[in-house]
């Protein structure tokens, strides 16, 4: 039997995501205060979803973190490498001070 999807968890994640999006769109002050709850709400909603998914099956921790590392960390490092090298090249090309430092 297929497990039913819990829409409450999806709604929590959606509300967290919408709150984060609204906070980055320069809303009025009273609405901007919701940004304090957006990220924690999204994290809690995602945690609840993972807990629901892995409550019925076992998790291989090494495989789990390996997969996340390959999908999240490595692409971020590749992007950041190209990003900083690009700006270093541009700063050298236009003879300006490099925008970033190691401190």
C-alpha atoms as a PDB file:
ATOM      1  CA  UNK A   1       0.000   0.000   0.000  1.00  0.00           C
ATOM      2  CA  UNK A   2       1.331   3.409  -0.963  1.00  0.00           C
ATOM      3  CA  UNK A   3       1.866   5.858   1.884  1.00  0.00           C
ATOM      4  CA  UNK A   4      -0.289   8.991   1.825  1.00  0.00           C
ATOM      5  CA  UNK A   5       1.503  12.302   1.455  1.00  0.00           C
ATOM      6  CA  UNK A   6       1.129  14.569   4.474  1.00  0.00           C
ATOM      7  CA  UNK A   7       0.094  17.914   3.010  1.00  0.00           C
ATOM      8  CA  UNK A   8       0.567  19.695   6.335  1.00  0.00           C
ATOM      9  CA  UNK A   9       4.334  19.273   6.031  1.00  0.00           C
ATOM     10  CA  UNK A  10       4.254  20.568   2.470  1.00  0.00           C
ATOM     11  CA  UNK A  11       2.249  23.588   3.599  1.00  0.00           C
ATOM     12  CA  UNK A  12       4.769  24.337   6.361  1.00  0.00           C
ATOM     13  CA  UNK A  13       7.606  24.208   3.839  1.00  0.00           C
ATOM     14  CA  UNK A  14       5.633  26.338   1.367  1.00  0.00           C
ATOM     15  CA  UNK A  15       4.844  28.939   4.018  1.00  0.00           C
ATOM     16  CA  UNK A  16       8.514  29.086   5.025  1.00  0.00           C
ATOM     17  CA  UNK A  17       9.615  29.472   1.417  1.00  0.00           C
ATOM     18  CA  UNK A  18       7.040  32.176   0.665  1.00  0.00           C
ATOM     19  CA  UNK A  19       8.032  34.056   3.816  1.00  0.00           C
ATOM     20  CA  UNK A  20      11.676  34.042   2.721  1.00  0.00           C
ATOM     21  CA  UNK A  21      10.725  35.223  -0.777  1.00  0.00           C
ATOM     22  CA  UNK A  22       8.550  38.028   0.569  1.00  0.00           C
ATOM     23  CA  UNK A  23      11.313  39.174   2.944  1.00  0.00           C
ATOM     24  CA  UNK A  24      13.662  39.620  -0.034  1.00  0.00           C
ATOM     25  CA  UNK A  25      11.167  41.701  -2.017  1.00  0.00           C
ATOM     26  CA  UNK A  26      11.334  44.874   0.154  1.00  0.00           C
ATOM     27  CA  UNK A  27       7.900  44.551   1.769  1.00  0.00           C
ATOM     28  CA  UNK A  28       6.463  47.045   4.292  1.00  0.00           C
ATOM     29  CA  UNK A  29       7.984  46.968   7.775  1.00  0.00           C
ATOM     30  CA  UNK A  30       5.289  44.902   9.472  1.00  0.00           C
ATOM     31  CA  UNK A  31       5.500  42.254   6.756  1.00  0.00           C
ATOM     32  CA  UNK A  32       9.297  42.358   6.753  1.00  0.00           C
ATOM     33  CA  UNK A  33       9.269  41.104  10.352  1.00  0.00           C
ATOM     34  CA  UNK A  34       8.045  37.739   9.051  1.00  0.00           C
ATOM     35  CA  UNK A  35      11.569  37.112   7.773  1.00  0.00           C
ATOM     36  CA  UNK A  36      12.463  36.142  11.323  1.00  0.00           C
ATOM     37  CA  UNK A  37      10.267  33.057  10.971  1.00  0.00           C
ATOM     38  CA  UNK A  38      10.802  32.075   7.329  1.00  0.00           C
ATOM     39  CA  UNK A  39      14.082  30.205   7.542  1.00  0.00           C
ATOM     40  CA  UNK A  40      13.338  28.364  10.815  1.00  0.00           C
ATOM     41  CA  UNK A  41       9.926  27.393   9.460  1.00  0.00           C
ATOM     42  CA  UNK A  42      11.480  26.046   6.260  1.00  0.00           C
ATOM     43  CA  UNK A  43      14.118  24.103   8.232  1.00  0.00           C
ATOM     44  CA  UNK A  44      11.507  22.620  10.583  1.00  0.00           C
ATOM     45  CA  UNK A  45       9.255  21.704   7.651  1.00  0.00           C
ATOM     46  CA  UNK A  46      12.133  20.030   5.830  1.00  0.00           C
ATOM     47  CA  UNK A  47      13.131  18.162   8.986  1.00  0.00           C
ATOM     48  CA  UNK A  48       9.584  16.926   9.466  1.00  0.00           C
ATOM     49  CA  UNK A  49       9.500  15.733   5.871  1.00  0.00           C
ATOM     50  CA  UNK A  50      12.787  13.835   6.262  1.00  0.00           C
ATOM     51  CA  UNK A  51      11.570  12.340   9.531  1.00  0.00           C
ATOM     52  CA  UNK A  52       8.399  11.144   7.809  1.00  0.00           C
ATOM     53  CA  UNK A  53      10.312   9.689   4.863  1.00  0.00           C
ATOM     54  CA  UNK A  54      12.909   7.864   6.948  1.00  0.00           C
ATOM     55  CA  UNK A  55      10.536   6.665   9.661  1.00  0.00           C
ATOM     56  CA  UNK A  56       9.527   3.732   7.496  1.00  0.00           C
ATOM     57  CA  UNK A  57      12.960   2.793   6.153  1.00  0.00           C
ATOM     58  CA  UNK A  58      16.457   2.639   7.477  1.00  0.00           C
ATOM     59  CA  UNK A  59      19.056   5.209   6.631  1.00  0.00           C
ATOM     60  CA  UNK A  60      22.649   4.484   5.710  1.00  0.00           C
ATOM     61  CA  UNK A  61      24.335   7.539   7.217  1.00  0.00           C
ATOM     62  CA  UNK A  62      27.518   7.270   5.156  1.00  0.00           C
ATOM     63  CA  UNK A  63      25.575   6.970   1.894  1.00  0.00           C
ATOM     64  CA  UNK A  64      23.209   9.786   2.946  1.00  0.00           C
ATOM     65  CA  UNK A  65      25.996  12.281   3.664  1.00  0.00           C
ATOM     66  CA  UNK A  66      28.016  11.183   0.655  1.00  0.00           C
ATOM     67  CA  UNK A  67      25.065  11.854  -1.625  1.00  0.00           C
ATOM     68  CA  UNK A  68      24.399  15.259  -0.032  1.00  0.00           C
ATOM     69  CA  UNK A  69      28.085  16.174  -0.271  1.00  0.00           C
ATOM     70  CA  UNK A  70      28.150  15.395  -3.994  1.00  0.00           C
ATOM     71  CA  UNK A  71      24.915  17.261  -4.681  1.00  0.00           C
ATOM     72  CA  UNK A  72      25.415  20.335  -2.463  1.00  0.00           C
ATOM     73  CA  UNK A  73      28.986  20.972  -1.370  1.00  0.00           C
ATOM     74  CA  UNK A  74      30.956  20.149  -4.510  1.00  0.00           C
ATOM     75  CA  UNK A  75      28.796  22.307  -6.847  1.00  0.00           C
ATOM     76  CA  UNK A  76      28.989  25.186  -4.357  1.00  0.00           C
ATOM     77  CA  UNK A  77      32.787  24.933  -4.213  1.00  0.00           C
ATOM     78  CA  UNK A  78      33.005  24.825  -8.005  1.00  0.00           C
ATOM     79  CA  UNK A  79      30.776  27.897  -8.329  1.00  0.00           C
ATOM     80  CA  UNK A  80      32.706  29.829  -5.669  1.00  0.00           C
ATOM     81  CA  UNK A  81      36.040  28.959  -7.292  1.00  0.00           C
ATOM     82  CA  UNK A  82      34.906  30.320 -10.664  1.00  0.00           C
ATOM     83  CA  UNK A  83      33.233  33.321  -8.986  1.00  0.00           C
ATOM     84  CA  UNK A  84      36.337  34.465  -7.115  1.00  0.00           C
ATOM     85  CA  UNK A  85      38.725  33.706  -9.978  1.00  0.00           C
ATOM     86  CA  UNK A  86      36.468  35.674 -12.351  1.00  0.00           C
ATOM     87  CA  UNK A  87      36.447  38.734 -10.084  1.00  0.00           C
ATOM     88  CA  UNK A  88      40.203  38.450  -9.557  1.00  0.00           C
ATOM     89  CA  UNK A  89      40.676  38.423 -13.336  1.00  0.00           C
ATOM     90  CA  UNK A  90      38.342  41.372 -13.833  1.00  0.00           C
ATOM     91  CA  UNK A  91      40.056  43.392 -11.100  1.00  0.00           C
ATOM     92  CA  UNK A  92      43.446  42.709 -12.686  1.00  0.00           C
ATOM     93  CA  UNK A  93      42.103  43.540 -16.129  1.00  0.00           C
ATOM     94  CA  UNK A  94      40.666  46.925 -15.159  1.00  0.00           C
ATOM     95  CA  UNK A  95      43.488  47.614 -12.674  1.00  0.00           C
ATOM     96  CA  UNK A  96      41.212  47.981  -9.662  1.00  0.00           C
ATOM     97  CA  UNK A  97      41.582  46.692  -6.116  1.00  0.00           C
ATOM     98  CA  UNK A  98      40.348  43.120  -5.652  1.00  0.00           C
ATOM     99  CA  UNK A  99      36.925  43.231  -3.996  1.00  0.00           C
ATOM    100  CA  UNK A 100      37.597  40.334  -1.630  1.00  0.00           C
ATOM    101  CA  UNK A 101      40.425  39.594   0.793  1.00  0.00           C
ATOM    102  CA  UNK A 102      41.448  36.682   2.958  1.00  0.00           C
ATOM    103  CA  UNK A 103      40.791  38.422   6.272  1.00  0.00           C
END
